[in-house]
Amino acid sequence: MVLERKVKLIYIHDLKPHESVCPIRFYEMLKDIKSRGILDYPLIVEKNSYVILDGTHRYNVLKVLKADFVPCYLVDYKDVNLLTWVRRVSLDANTILNILEKYGFRETFSNNYSFKIVYKNKTYNYRERGLRDDLLKLQNIIRDYIISYVPLDKFEESFSENYVYIVPKIPTKKEIINNALRNRLYPPKTTRHIVKEELPKINISLNELK
């Protein structure tokens, strides 16, 4: 097996996810990878901590498939662009604001918020306990109402006044690493990590990872 210079085989139990998985996406990926017996792309992993920046679903699929090693594209975190995913939801603005109040969220007018509700030309900042805890609680509340996820850098061009959007505050890189090392996971699609280089396609057999 020949891998690119930045792609290394890392023992699966040394890797640390920072997000949980979306069950539907996980089972779709499990079915695909299991049927083909091939992993197309490596995970993106912070080189010092072995925290998974991108590839949480593939990591969990490989655990289920009893892989011992995982192809990882090792990066220096300072060279990675950190963004988030905007949630587009099916609820109208009044309904979602009432739901948030019911579950204890309060509007804040400071910069110390956990997420924003954006509708037409209005923005509402919300916070209760702290960023990670608030995002987990929010995910449980709105899970069934999410229509799609929009990359933050594409949000303005895809914005429609017909929808309500939820924009999570981006955790810092330090927060992501520290929480991952403590196994304190963020909800799915909290972060979007972008590397400068094009990720190499590896097409590696699952048999080579055992």
Protein backbone atom coordinates (compact mmCIF):
# COMPACT_ATOMS: atom_id res chain seq x y z
CA MET A 1 0.00 0.00 0.00
CA VAL A 2 1.39 3.42 -1.02
CA LEU A 3 -0.04 6.53 0.63
CA GLU A 4 0.66 10.21 0.09
CA ARG A 5 3.23 11.85 2.36
CA LYS A 6 0.66 13.56 4.63
CA VAL A 7 -1.57 10.47 4.85
CA LYS A 8 -0.66 8.15 7.70
CA LEU A 9 -2.26 5.01 9.09
CA ILE A 10 -3.24 5.78 12.69
CA TYR A 11 -4.39 3.21 15.23
CA ILE A 12 -8.15 3.72 15.47
CA HIS A 13 -8.23 3.89 19.27
CA ASP A 14 -5.77 6.81 19.24
CA LEU A 15 -8.22 9.01 17.32
CA LYS A 16 -10.59 11.40 19.09
CA PRO A 17 -13.82 12.65 17.48
CA HIS A 18 -15.15 16.09 18.40
CA GLU A 19 -18.69 15.68 17.04
CA SER A 20 -21.40 13.05 17.29
CA VAL A 21 -22.92 11.51 14.17
CA CYS A 22 -26.16 12.04 12.30
CA PRO A 23 -27.79 8.53 12.45
CA ILE A 24 -29.24 8.68 8.93
CA ARG A 25 -25.94 9.79 7.42
CA PHE A 26 -24.05 7.16 9.44
CA TYR A 27 -26.19 4.25 8.23
CA GLU A 28 -26.05 5.47 4.63
CA MET A 29 -22.26 5.61 4.80
CA LEU A 30 -22.02 2.25 6.58
CA LYS A 31 -24.05 0.58 3.83
CA ASP A 32 -21.98 2.21 1.08
CA ILE A 33 -18.52 1.50 2.51
CA LYS A 34 -19.43 -2.04 3.59
CA SER A 35 -20.86 -2.95 0.17
CA ARG A 36 -17.91 -1.53 -1.81
CA GLY A 37 -15.21 -2.51 0.67
CA ILE A 38 -13.37 0.72 -0.13
CA LEU A 39 -12.59 3.92 1.75
CA ASP A 40 -12.31 6.76 -0.76
CA TYR A 41 -10.78 9.56 1.31
CA PRO A 42 -8.71 9.89 4.49
CA LEU A 43 -9.95 11.59 7.64
CA ILE A 44 -8.60 15.08 8.37
CA VAL A 45 -6.83 14.88 11.74
CA GLU A 46 -4.99 17.43 13.88
CA LYS A 47 -1.40 16.19 13.90
CA ASN A 48 -0.58 16.70 17.60
CA SER A 49 -3.76 15.67 19.41
CA TYR A 50 -5.16 13.22 16.82
CA VAL A 51 -8.51 14.99 17.08
CA ILE A 52 -10.66 14.26 14.02
CA LEU A 53 -11.52 17.53 12.29
CA ASP A 54 -13.41 15.98 9.37
CA GLY A 55 -14.52 12.38 8.92
CA THR A 56 -16.44 11.55 12.10
CA HIS A 57 -18.95 9.39 10.23
CA ARG A 58 -16.21 7.44 8.41
CA TYR A 59 -14.40 6.94 11.72
CA ASN A 60 -17.52 5.48 13.34
CA VAL A 61 -18.20 3.29 10.30
CA LEU A 62 -14.66 1.90 10.47
CA LYS A 63 -15.11 1.16 14.18
CA VAL A 64 -18.25 -0.86 13.41
CA LEU A 65 -16.42 -2.67 10.60
CA LYS A 66 -13.62 -3.63 13.04
CA ALA A 67 -10.83 -1.69 11.35
CA ASP A 68 -7.61 -1.44 13.35
CA PHE A 69 -6.13 1.48 11.45
CA VAL A 70 -7.50 4.60 9.77
CA PRO A 71 -5.93 6.60 6.91
CA CYS A 72 -5.52 10.14 8.25
CA TYR A 73 -4.48 13.35 6.54
CA LEU A 74 -2.47 15.04 9.29
CA VAL A 75 -2.67 18.84 9.46
CA ASP A 76 -1.42 21.71 11.56
CA TYR A 77 -4.57 23.28 13.02
CA LYS A 78 -3.30 26.81 12.43
CA ASP A 79 -3.43 26.11 8.70
CA VAL A 80 -7.09 25.02 8.77
CA ASN A 81 -10.02 27.36 8.19
CA LEU A 82 -12.77 26.86 10.78
CA LEU A 83 -16.41 27.62 9.91
CA THR A 84 -19.82 26.17 10.78
CA TRP A 85 -23.04 24.96 9.18
CA VAL A 86 -26.25 27.00 9.22
CA ARG A 87 -29.47 25.10 9.95
CA ARG A 88 -32.43 25.87 7.69
CA VAL A 89 -35.61 24.88 9.50
CA SER A 90 -39.25 24.32 8.59
CA LEU A 91 -40.72 26.27 11.53
CA ASP A 92 -41.95 29.85 11.30
CA ALA A 93 -40.17 32.49 13.37
CA ASN A 94 -42.82 32.89 16.08
CA THR A 95 -43.07 29.14 16.64
CA ILE A 96 -39.34 28.62 17.05
CA LEU A 97 -38.97 31.64 19.33
CA ASN A 98 -41.77 30.31 21.54
CA ILE A 99 -40.17 26.85 21.61
CA LEU A 100 -36.82 28.30 22.65
CA GLU A 101 -38.45 30.26 25.48
CA LYS A 102 -40.33 27.16 26.60
CA TYR A 103 -37.04 25.22 26.89
CA GLY A 104 -35.31 27.94 28.88
CA PHE A 105 -33.35 29.84 26.24
CA ARG A 106 -33.25 33.59 26.67
CA GLU A 107 -32.47 36.28 24.15
CA THR A 108 -29.21 38.09 24.82
CA PHE A 109 -28.02 41.39 23.43
CA SER A 110 -24.35 40.75 24.11
CA ASN A 111 -21.75 39.04 21.94
CA ASN A 112 -21.73 36.17 24.43
CA TYR A 113 -24.34 34.11 22.57
CA SER A 114 -24.54 30.44 21.52
CA PHE A 115 -26.59 30.74 18.35
CA LYS A 116 -28.57 33.20 16.27
CA ILE A 117 -32.07 32.96 14.82
CA VAL A 118 -32.18 34.76 11.47
CA TYR A 119 -35.46 35.51 9.73
CA LYS A 120 -35.89 38.09 6.96
CA ASN A 121 -34.08 41.20 8.24
CA LYS A 122 -34.19 40.26 11.92
CA THR A 123 -31.60 38.52 14.09
CA TYR A 124 -32.08 37.15 17.61
CA ASN A 125 -29.14 36.02 19.77
CA TYR A 126 -29.72 33.21 22.30
CA ARG A 127 -27.82 31.65 25.17
CA GLU A 128 -28.57 29.61 28.29
CA ARG A 129 -25.61 27.79 29.86
CA GLY A 130 -22.67 27.67 27.45
CA LEU A 131 -21.87 27.05 23.80
CA ARG A 132 -21.51 23.26 23.71
CA ASP A 133 -24.36 22.55 26.14
CA ASP A 134 -26.65 25.00 24.35
CA LEU A 135 -25.91 23.52 20.92
CA LEU A 136 -26.61 20.00 22.20
CA LYS A 137 -29.89 21.08 23.74
CA LEU A 138 -30.84 23.01 20.61
CA GLN A 139 -30.09 20.00 18.40
CA ASN A 140 -32.43 17.82 20.44
CA ILE A 141 -35.19 20.41 20.15
CA ILE A 142 -34.98 21.16 16.42
CA ARG A 143 -33.69 17.83 15.02
CA ASP A 144 -36.99 16.96 13.34
CA TYR A 145 -37.41 20.41 11.82
CA ILE A 146 -34.07 20.77 10.04
CA ILE A 147 -34.57 20.92 6.26
CA SER A 148 -30.94 21.28 5.28
CA TYR A 149 -27.51 22.48 6.32
CA VAL A 150 -25.92 25.45 4.56
CA PRO A 151 -22.17 26.17 4.74
CA LEU A 152 -21.64 29.45 6.56
CA ASP A 153 -19.57 30.85 3.68
CA LYS A 154 -22.49 30.14 1.29
CA PHE A 155 -25.18 31.47 3.61
CA GLU A 156 -25.62 34.94 2.13
CA GLU A 157 -25.95 33.73 -1.45
CA SER A 158 -28.46 31.01 -0.52
CA PHE A 159 -30.47 33.13 1.93
CA SER A 160 -34.24 33.17 1.41
CA GLU A 161 -36.76 35.24 3.37
CA ASN A 162 -39.10 32.25 3.25
CA TYR A 163 -37.06 30.32 5.79
CA VAL A 164 -35.85 30.62 9.37
CA TYR A 165 -32.13 29.97 9.86
CA ILE A 166 -30.18 29.00 12.95
CA VAL A 167 -26.54 30.09 12.95
CA PRO A 168 -24.37 28.48 15.67
CA LYS A 169 -21.50 30.44 17.13
CA ILE A 170 -18.23 28.90 16.00
CA PRO A 171 -16.30 27.31 18.89
CA THR A 172 -12.63 28.19 19.11
CA LYS A 173 -10.02 25.68 18.02
CA LYS A 174 -8.84 25.43 21.62
CA GLU A 175 -12.37 24.62 22.79
CA ILE A 176 -12.71 21.93 20.11
CA ILE A 177 -9.45 20.23 21.06
CA ASN A 178 -10.07 20.44 24.81
CA ASN A 179 -13.60 19.05 24.56
CA ALA A 180 -12.53 16.25 22.22
CA LEU A 181 -9.77 15.17 24.60
CA ARG A 182 -12.39 14.98 27.37
CA ASN A 183 -14.84 13.12 25.11
CA ARG A 184 -17.28 16.03 25.32
CA LEU A 185 -18.75 15.89 21.82
CA TYR A 186 -20.48 18.67 19.94
CA PRO A 187 -23.64 17.88 17.93
CA PRO A 188 -23.31 16.99 14.22
CA LYS A 189 -22.44 19.81 11.84
CA THR A 190 -21.16 22.15 14.54
CA THR A 191 -17.94 22.75 12.63
CA ARG A 192 -16.75 22.82 9.05
CA HIS A 193 -12.99 22.44 8.61
CA ILE A 194 -11.41 23.46 5.32
CA VAL A 195 -7.83 22.61 4.39
CA LYS A 196 -5.85 24.51 1.78
CA GLU A 197 -4.82 21.48 -0.24
CA GLU A 198 -7.16 19.20 -2.15
CA LEU A 199 -7.75 16.05 -0.15
CA PRO A 200 -6.11 13.08 -1.91
CA LYS A 201 -8.29 10.19 -3.03
CA ILE A 202 -6.86 6.96 -1.61
CA ASN A 203 -9.33 4.17 -2.56
CA ILE A 204 -7.98 1.87 0.12
CA SER A 205 -9.43 -1.58 0.75
CA LEU A 206 -10.97 -2.27 4.14
CA ASN A 207 -8.91 -5.46 4.28
CA GLU A 208 -5.75 -3.34 4.40
CA LEU A 209 -7.01 -1.58 7.53
CA LYS A 210 -7.29 -4.73 9.64
